[in-house]
Amino acid sequence: MDMALIANHNAVVGPDDLVYHIGDFAWTRPHEVERARDCLKKLSGTHIFIYGNHDQLTPFEYVEAGFQSAHTSLTITIGDK
């Protein structure tokens, strides 16, 4: 299943694209950091992580795994609003 998800992701995401992972990335627990790192290395784009309710690593561990940054929340403003 992981290989199919990676292939589908890379079919639409280019190396210069920005990707937001909105929580529960690999349901990562402290003993699964290597699995998350290996998966993320195979995904195209620059990756931003926003915590979900199953994520248990520290922000630093997510950055070490390959995310550009990790956030507990994120607000995106579009236009003049």
PDB file of N, CA and C in Angstrom:
ATOM      1  N   MET A   1       0.824  -1.180   0.000  1.00  0.00           N
ATOM      2  CA  MET A   1       0.000   0.000   0.000  1.00  0.00           C
ATOM      3  C   MET A   1       0.878   1.257   0.000  1.00  0.00           C
ATOM      4  N   ASP A   2       1.950   1.255   0.793  1.00  0.00           N
ATOM      5  CA  ASP A   2       2.819   2.435   0.839  1.00  0.00           C
ATOM      6  C   ASP A   2       3.363   2.785  -0.539  1.00  0.00           C
ATOM      7  N   MET A   3       3.773   1.776  -1.294  1.00  0.00           N
ATOM      8  CA  MET A   3       4.346   2.020  -2.623  1.00  0.00           C
ATOM      9  C   MET A   3       3.316   2.673  -3.548  1.00  0.00           C
ATOM     10  N   ALA A   4       2.065   2.232  -3.481  1.00  0.00           N
ATOM     11  CA  ALA A   4       1.008   2.818  -4.320  1.00  0.00           C
ATOM     12  C   ALA A   4       0.742   4.263  -3.916  1.00  0.00           C
ATOM     13  N   LEU A   5       0.702   4.546  -2.616  1.00  0.00           N
ATOM     14  CA  LEU A   5       0.476   5.919  -2.152  1.00  0.00           C
ATOM     15  C   LEU A   5       1.618   6.838  -2.581  1.00  0.00           C
ATOM     16  N   ILE A   6       2.840   6.367  -2.475  1.00  0.00           N
ATOM     17  CA  ILE A   6       4.001   7.162  -2.889  1.00  0.00           C
ATOM     18  C   ILE A   6       3.951   7.421  -4.393  1.00  0.00           C
ATOM     19  N   ALA A   7       3.650   6.399  -5.178  1.00  0.00           N
ATOM     20  CA  ALA A   7       3.572   6.560  -6.633  1.00  0.00           C
ATOM     21  C   ALA A   7       2.465   7.539  -7.016  1.00  0.00           C
ATOM     22  N   ASN A   8       1.309   7.448  -6.382  1.00  0.00           N
ATOM     23  CA  ASN A   8       0.203   8.368  -6.679  1.00  0.00           C
ATOM     24  C   ASN A   8       0.572   9.800  -6.303  1.00  0.00           C
ATOM     25  N   HIS A   9       1.208   9.980  -5.168  1.00  0.00           N
ATOM     26  CA  HIS A   9       1.659  11.308  -4.730  1.00  0.00           C
ATOM     27  C   HIS A   9       2.619  11.898  -5.767  1.00  0.00           C
ATOM     28  N   ASN A  10       3.627  11.136  -6.128  1.00  0.00           N
ATOM     29  CA  ASN A  10       4.656  11.634  -7.042  1.00  0.00           C
ATOM     30  C   ASN A  10       4.144  11.850  -8.460  1.00  0.00           C
ATOM     31  N   ALA A  11       3.031  11.236  -8.792  1.00  0.00           N
ATOM     32  CA  ALA A  11       2.443  11.441 -10.119  1.00  0.00           C
ATOM     33  C   ALA A  11       1.845  12.838 -10.259  1.00  0.00           C
ATOM     34  N   VAL A  12       1.496  13.483  -9.141  1.00  0.00           N
ATOM     35  CA  VAL A  12       0.868  14.810  -9.210  1.00  0.00           C
ATOM     36  C   VAL A  12       1.663  15.905  -8.500  1.00  0.00           C
ATOM     37  N   VAL A  13       2.630  15.537  -7.676  1.00  0.00           N
ATOM     38  CA  VAL A  13       3.423  16.522  -6.928  1.00  0.00           C
ATOM     39  C   VAL A  13       4.822  16.572  -7.515  1.00  0.00           C
ATOM     40  N   GLY A  14       5.240  17.776  -7.876  1.00  0.00           N
ATOM     41  CA  GLY A  14       6.579  17.968  -8.424  1.00  0.00           C
ATOM     42  C   GLY A  14       7.576  18.352  -7.350  1.00  0.00           C
ATOM     43  N   PRO A  15       8.859  18.367  -7.683  1.00  0.00           N
ATOM     44  CA  PRO A  15       9.900  18.676  -6.702  1.00  0.00           C
ATOM     45  C   PRO A  15       9.806  20.086  -6.122  1.00  0.00           C
ATOM     46  N   ASP A  16       9.194  21.024  -6.844  1.00  0.00           N
ATOM     47  CA  ASP A  16       9.089  22.406  -6.367  1.00  0.00           C
ATOM     48  C   ASP A  16       7.751  22.711  -5.698  1.00  0.00           C
ATOM     49  N   ASP A  17       6.877  21.717  -5.577  1.00  0.00           N
ATOM     50  CA  ASP A  17       5.555  21.919  -4.968  1.00  0.00           C
ATOM     51  C   ASP A  17       5.643  21.911  -3.440  1.00  0.00           C
ATOM     52  N   LEU A  18       4.729  22.643  -2.804  1.00  0.00           N
ATOM     53  CA  LEU A  18       4.634  22.690  -1.347  1.00  0.00           C
ATOM     54  C   LEU A  18       3.459  21.815  -0.918  1.00  0.00           C
ATOM     55  N   VAL A  19       3.709  20.892   0.006  1.00  0.00           N
ATOM     56  CA  VAL A  19       2.702  19.926   0.454  1.00  0.00           C
ATOM     57  C   VAL A  19       2.474  20.102   1.950  1.00  0.00           C
ATOM     58  N   TYR A  20       1.205  20.235   2.343  1.00  0.00           N
ATOM     59  CA  TYR A  20       0.834  20.296   3.760  1.00  0.00           C
ATOM     60  C   TYR A  20       0.280  18.950   4.173  1.00  0.00           C
ATOM     61  N   HIS A  21       0.905  18.343   5.171  1.00  0.00           N
ATOM     62  CA  HIS A  21       0.395  17.087   5.740  1.00  0.00           C
ATOM     63  C   HIS A  21      -0.415  17.474   6.969  1.00  0.00           C
ATOM     64  N   ILE A  22      -1.718  17.262   6.884  1.00  0.00           N
ATOM     65  CA  ILE A  22      -2.617  17.694   7.954  1.00  0.00           C
ATOM     66  C   ILE A  22      -2.827  16.533   8.918  1.00  0.00           C
ATOM     67  N   GLY A  23      -1.821  16.246   9.690  1.00  0.00           N
ATOM     68  CA  GLY A  23      -1.896  15.283  10.774  1.00  0.00           C
ATOM     69  C   GLY A  23      -1.848  13.826  10.386  1.00  0.00           C
ATOM     70  N   ASP A  24      -1.522  13.046  11.395  1.00  0.00           N
ATOM     71  CA  ASP A  24      -1.504  11.584  11.334  1.00  0.00           C
ATOM     72  C   ASP A  24      -0.615  11.041  10.214  1.00  0.00           C
ATOM     73  N   PHE A  25       0.520  11.671  10.001  1.00  0.00           N
ATOM     74  CA  PHE A  25       1.470  11.171   9.006  1.00  0.00           C
ATOM     75  C   PHE A  25       2.064   9.870   9.523  1.00  0.00           C
ATOM     76  N   ALA A  26       1.690   8.782   8.914  1.00  0.00           N
ATOM     77  CA  ALA A  26       2.174   7.439   9.266  1.00  0.00           C
ATOM     78  C   ALA A  26       1.855   7.056  10.717  1.00  0.00           C
ATOM     79  N   TRP A  27       0.929   7.756  11.340  1.00  0.00           N
ATOM     80  CA  TRP A  27       0.600   7.514  12.755  1.00  0.00           C
ATOM     81  C   TRP A  27       1.875   7.345  13.554  1.00  0.00           C
ATOM     82  N   THR A  28       2.783   8.247  13.374  1.00  0.00           N
ATOM     83  CA  THR A  28       4.140   8.100  13.862  1.00  0.00           C
ATOM     84  C   THR A  28       4.227   8.119  15.393  1.00  0.00           C
ATOM     85  N   ARG A  29       4.787   7.053  15.903  1.00  0.00           N
ATOM     86  CA  ARG A  29       5.109   6.936  17.321  1.00  0.00           C
ATOM     87  C   ARG A  29       6.637   6.993  17.443  1.00  0.00           C
ATOM     88  N   PRO A  30       7.162   7.277  18.625  1.00  0.00           N
ATOM     89  CA  PRO A  30       8.611   7.447  18.753  1.00  0.00           C
ATOM     90  C   PRO A  30       9.455   6.312  18.162  1.00  0.00           C
ATOM     91  N   HIS A  31       9.016   5.083  18.259  1.00  0.00           N
ATOM     92  CA  HIS A  31       9.821   3.979  17.734  1.00  0.00           C
ATOM     93  C   HIS A  31       9.675   3.816  16.216  1.00  0.00           C
ATOM     94  N   GLU A  32       8.877   4.647  15.553  1.00  0.00           N
ATOM     95  CA  GLU A  32       8.643   4.535  14.111  1.00  0.00           C
ATOM     96  C   GLU A  32       9.246   5.692  13.313  1.00  0.00           C
ATOM     97  N   VAL A  33      10.175   6.418  13.894  1.00  0.00           N
ATOM     98  CA  VAL A  33      10.758   7.584  13.217  1.00  0.00           C
ATOM     99  C   VAL A  33      11.422   7.186  11.908  1.00  0.00           C
ATOM    100  N   GLU A  34      12.147   6.097  11.886  1.00  0.00           N
ATOM    101  CA  GLU A  34      12.837   5.669  10.665  1.00  0.00           C
ATOM    102  C   GLU A  34      11.848   5.373   9.541  1.00  0.00           C
ATOM    103  N   ARG A  35      10.709   4.774   9.868  1.00  0.00           N
ATOM    104  CA  ARG A  35       9.691   4.470   8.854  1.00  0.00           C
ATOM    105  C   ARG A  35       9.173   5.766   8.231  1.00  0.00           C
ATOM    106  N   ALA A  36       8.889   6.758   9.071  1.00  0.00           N
ATOM    107  CA  ALA A  36       8.413   8.049   8.566  1.00  0.00           C
ATOM    108  C   ALA A  36       9.484   8.712   7.710  1.00  0.00           C
ATOM    109  N   ARG A  37      10.723   8.678   8.154  1.00  0.00           N
ATOM    110  CA  ARG A  37      11.837   9.289   7.414  1.00  0.00           C
ATOM    111  C   ARG A  37      11.999   8.625   6.048  1.00  0.00           C
ATOM    112  N   ASP A  38      11.951   7.294   6.014  1.00  0.00           N
ATOM    113  CA  ASP A  38      12.116   6.570   4.756  1.00  0.00           C
ATOM    114  C   ASP A  38      10.990   6.883   3.781  1.00  0.00           C
ATOM    115  N   CYS A  39       9.774   6.974   4.281  1.00  0.00           N
ATOM    116  CA  CYS A  39       8.626   7.281   3.434  1.00  0.00           C
ATOM    117  C   CYS A  39       8.728   8.705   2.894  1.00  0.00           C
ATOM    118  N   LEU A  40       9.040   9.654   3.746  1.00  0.00           N
ATOM    119  CA  LEU A  40       9.094  11.055   3.343  1.00  0.00           C
ATOM    120  C   LEU A  40      10.172  11.307   2.299  1.00  0.00           C
ATOM    121  N   LYS A  41      11.298  10.598   2.395  1.00  0.00           N
ATOM    122  CA  LYS A  41      12.380  10.751   1.416  1.00  0.00           C
ATOM    123  C   LYS A  41      11.923  10.409   0.007  1.00  0.00           C
ATOM    124  N   LYS A  42      10.937   9.536  -0.108  1.00  0.00           N
ATOM    125  CA  LYS A  42      10.466   9.074  -1.414  1.00  0.00           C
ATOM    126  C   LYS A  42       9.396   9.978  -2.014  1.00  0.00           C
ATOM    127  N   LEU A  43       8.892  10.935  -1.236  1.00  0.00           N
ATOM    128  CA  LEU A  43       7.814  11.813  -1.692  1.00  0.00           C
ATOM    129  C   LEU A  43       8.379  13.097  -2.298  1.00  0.00           C
ATOM    130  N   SER A  44       7.872  13.464  -3.466  1.00  0.00           N
ATOM    131  CA  SER A  44       8.273  14.719  -4.112  1.00  0.00           C
ATOM    132  C   SER A  44       7.736  15.912  -3.328  1.00  0.00           C
ATOM    133  N   GLY A  45       8.393  17.054  -3.493  1.00  0.00           N
ATOM    134  CA  GLY A  45       7.911  18.298  -2.913  1.00  0.00           C
ATOM    135  C   GLY A  45       8.591  18.665  -1.608  1.00  0.00           C
ATOM    136  N   THR A  46       8.230  19.845  -1.127  1.00  0.00           N
ATOM    137  CA  THR A  46       8.650  20.340   0.185  1.00  0.00           C
ATOM    138  C   THR A  46       7.473  20.126   1.116  1.00  0.00           C
ATOM    139  N   HIS A  47       7.727  19.590   2.299  1.00  0.00           N
ATOM    140  CA  HIS A  47       6.647  19.126   3.167  1.00  0.00           C
ATOM    141  C   HIS A  47       6.571  19.901   4.483  1.00  0.00           C
ATOM    142  N   ILE A  48       5.359  20.373   4.784  1.00  0.00           N
ATOM    143  CA  ILE A  48       5.046  21.067   6.032  1.00  0.00           C
ATOM    144  C   ILE A  48       4.133  20.136   6.834  1.00  0.00           C
ATOM    145  N   PHE A  49       4.398  19.991   8.117  1.00  0.00           N
ATOM    146  CA  PHE A  49       3.624  19.074   8.959  1.00  0.00           C
ATOM    147  C   PHE A  49       2.758  19.844   9.950  1.00  0.00           C
ATOM    148  N   ILE A  50       1.482  19.475  10.029  1.00  0.00           N
ATOM    149  CA  ILE A  50       0.567  20.006  11.042  1.00  0.00           C
ATOM    150  C   ILE A  50       0.088  18.817  11.869  1.00  0.00           C
ATOM    151  N   TYR A  51       0.241  18.913  13.181  1.00  0.00           N
ATOM    152  CA  TYR A  51      -0.067  17.793  14.082  1.00  0.00           C
ATOM    153  C   TYR A  51      -1.507  17.320  13.990  1.00  0.00           C
ATOM    154  N   GLY A  52      -1.669  15.995  14.095  1.00  0.00           N
ATOM    155  CA  GLY A  52      -2.970  15.348  14.238  1.00  0.00           C
ATOM    156  C   GLY A  52      -3.043  14.687  15.606  1.00  0.00           C
ATOM    157  N   ASN A  53      -4.154  14.085  15.914  1.00  0.00           N
ATOM    158  CA  ASN A  53      -4.332  13.523  17.249  1.00  0.00           C
ATOM    159  C   ASN A  53      -3.545  12.236  17.488  1.00  0.00           C
ATOM    160  N   HIS A  54      -2.958  11.617  16.470  1.00  0.00           N
ATOM    161  CA  HIS A  54      -2.170  10.405  16.662  1.00  0.00           C
ATOM    162  C   HIS A  54      -0.662  10.663  16.604  1.00  0.00           C
ATOM    163  N   ASP A  55      -0.251  11.885  16.363  1.00  0.00           N
ATOM    164  CA  ASP A  55       1.170  12.192  16.211  1.00  0.00           C
ATOM    165  C   ASP A  55       1.808  12.424  17.565  1.00  0.00           C
ATOM    166  N   GLN A  56       2.940  11.736  17.799  1.00  0.00           N
ATOM    167  CA  GLN A  56       3.546  11.738  19.124  1.00  0.00           C
ATOM    168  C   GLN A  56       4.988  12.211  19.152  1.00  0.00           C
ATOM    169  N   LEU A  57       5.565  12.553  18.008  1.00  0.00           N
ATOM    170  CA  LEU A  57       6.940  13.020  18.004  1.00  0.00           C
ATOM    171  C   LEU A  57       7.006  14.500  18.352  1.00  0.00           C
ATOM    172  N   THR A  58       8.183  14.956  18.723  1.00  0.00           N
ATOM    173  CA  THR A  58       8.388  16.382  18.967  1.00  0.00           C
ATOM    174  C   THR A  58       8.521  17.088  17.612  1.00  0.00           C
ATOM    175  N   PRO A  59       8.309  18.406  17.572  1.00  0.00           N
ATOM    176  CA  PRO A  59       8.509  19.128  16.303  1.00  0.00           C
ATOM    177  C   PRO A  59       9.898  18.893  15.722  1.00  0.00           C
ATOM    178  N   PHE A  60      10.918  18.871  16.574  1.00  0.00           N
ATOM    179  CA  PHE A  60      12.280  18.639  16.111  1.00  0.00           C
ATOM    180  C   PHE A  60      12.406  17.282  15.417  1.00  0.00           C
ATOM    181  N   GLU A  61      11.759  16.251  15.951  1.00  0.00           N
ATOM    182  CA  GLU A  61      11.839  14.923  15.338  1.00  0.00           C
ATOM    183  C   GLU A  61      11.182  14.898  13.963  1.00  0.00           C
ATOM    184  N   TYR A  62      10.091  15.653  13.784  1.00  0.00           N
ATOM    185  CA  TYR A  62       9.473  15.727  12.459  1.00  0.00           C
ATOM    186  C   TYR A  62      10.380  16.451  11.474  1.00  0.00           C
ATOM    187  N   VAL A  63      11.047  17.504  11.915  1.00  0.00           N
ATOM    188  CA  VAL A  63      11.991  18.217  11.050  1.00  0.00           C
ATOM    189  C   VAL A  63      13.171  17.298  10.724  1.00  0.00           C
ATOM    190  N   GLU A  64      13.662  16.571  11.703  1.00  0.00           N
ATOM    191  CA  GLU A  64      14.757  15.620  11.462  1.00  0.00           C
ATOM    192  C   GLU A  64      14.344  14.533  10.467  1.00  0.00           C
ATOM    193  N   ALA A  65      13.068  14.178  10.463  1.00  0.00           N
ATOM    194  CA  ALA A  65      12.561  13.162   9.539  1.00  0.00           C
ATOM    195  C   ALA A  65      12.455  13.688   8.110  1.00  0.00           C
ATOM    196  N   GLY A  66      12.532  15.018   7.933  1.00  0.00           N
ATOM    197  CA  GLY A  66      12.520  15.571   6.589  1.00  0.00           C
ATOM    198  C   GLY A  66      11.483  16.636   6.309  1.00  0.00           C
ATOM    199  N   PHE A  67      10.626  16.932   7.284  1.00  0.00           N
ATOM    200  CA  PHE A  67       9.669  18.018   7.078  1.00  0.00           C
ATOM    201  C   PHE A  67      10.396  19.346   7.179  1.00  0.00           C
ATOM    202  N   GLN A  68       9.946  20.331   6.407  1.00  0.00           N
ATOM    203  CA  GLN A  68      10.546  21.661   6.473  1.00  0.00           C
ATOM    204  C   GLN A  68      10.243  22.303   7.817  1.00  0.00           C
ATOM    205  N   SER A  69       9.014  22.094   8.326  1.00  0.00           N
ATOM    206  CA  SER A  69       8.621  22.614   9.634  1.00  0.00           C
ATOM    207  C   SER A  69       7.460  21.792  10.162  1.00  0.00           C
ATOM    208  N   ALA A  70       7.201  21.924  11.478  1.00  0.00           N
ATOM    209  CA  ALA A  70       6.095  21.217  12.135  1.00  0.00           C
ATOM    210  C   ALA A  70       5.321  22.213  12.982  1.00  0.00           C
ATOM    211  N   HIS A  71       3.977  22.126  12.934  1.00  0.00           N
ATOM    212  CA  HIS A  71       3.114  23.101  13.594  1.00  0.00           C
ATOM    213  C   HIS A  71       1.971  22.413  14.334  1.00  0.00           C
ATOM    214  N   THR A  72       1.542  23.015  15.430  1.00  0.00           N
ATOM    215  CA  THR A  72       0.353  22.509  16.122  1.00  0.00           C
ATOM    216  C   THR A  72      -0.913  23.053  15.487  1.00  0.00           C
ATOM    217  N   SER A  73      -0.795  24.156  14.766  1.00  0.00           N
ATOM    218  CA  SER A  73      -1.929  24.708  14.017  1.00  0.00           C
ATOM    219  C   SER A  73      -1.367  25.590  12.910  1.00  0.00           C
ATOM    220  N   LEU A  74      -2.230  25.925  11.959  1.00  0.00           N
ATOM    221  CA  LEU A  74      -1.797  26.755  10.843  1.00  0.00           C
ATOM    222  C   LEU A  74      -2.969  27.540  10.333  1.00  0.00           C
ATOM    223  N   THR A  75      -2.784  28.827  10.125  1.00  0.00           N
ATOM    224  CA  THR A  75      -3.812  29.672   9.535  1.00  0.00           C
ATOM    225  C   THR A  75      -3.307  30.170   8.199  1.00  0.00           C
ATOM    226  N   ILE A  76      -4.107  29.964   7.173  1.00  0.00           N
ATOM    227  CA  ILE A  76      -3.745  30.418   5.832  1.00  0.00           C
ATOM    228  C   ILE A  76      -4.732  31.496   5.429  1.00  0.00           C
ATOM    229  N   THR A  77      -4.231  32.659   5.079  1.00  0.00           N
ATOM    230  CA  THR A  77      -5.079  33.771   4.645  1.00  0.00           C
ATOM    231  C   THR A  77      -4.912  33.918   3.145  1.00  0.00           C
ATOM    232  N   ILE A  78      -6.034  33.934   2.449  1.00  0.00           N
ATOM    233  CA  ILE A  78      -6.021  34.070   0.989  1.00  0.00           C
ATOM    234  C   ILE A  78      -6.635  35.412   0.627  1.00  0.00           C
ATOM    235  N   GLY A  79      -5.938  36.163  -0.207  1.00  0.00           N
ATOM    236  CA  GLY A  79      -6.457  37.460  -0.642  1.00  0.00           C
ATOM    237  C   GLY A  79      -6.370  38.514   0.434  1.00  0.00           C
ATOM    238  N   ASP A  80      -7.312  39.467   0.405  1.00  0.00           N
ATOM    239  CA  ASP A  80      -7.292  40.614   1.319  1.00  0.00           C
ATOM    240  C   ASP A  80      -8.047  40.374   2.611  1.00  0.00           C
ATOM    241  N   LYS A  81      -8.494  39.177   2.874  1.00  0.00           N
ATOM    242  CA  LYS A  81      -9.304  38.900   4.061  1.00  0.00           C
ATOM    243  C   LYS A  81      -8.504  38.902   5.322  1.00  0.00           C
TER     244      LYS A  81
END
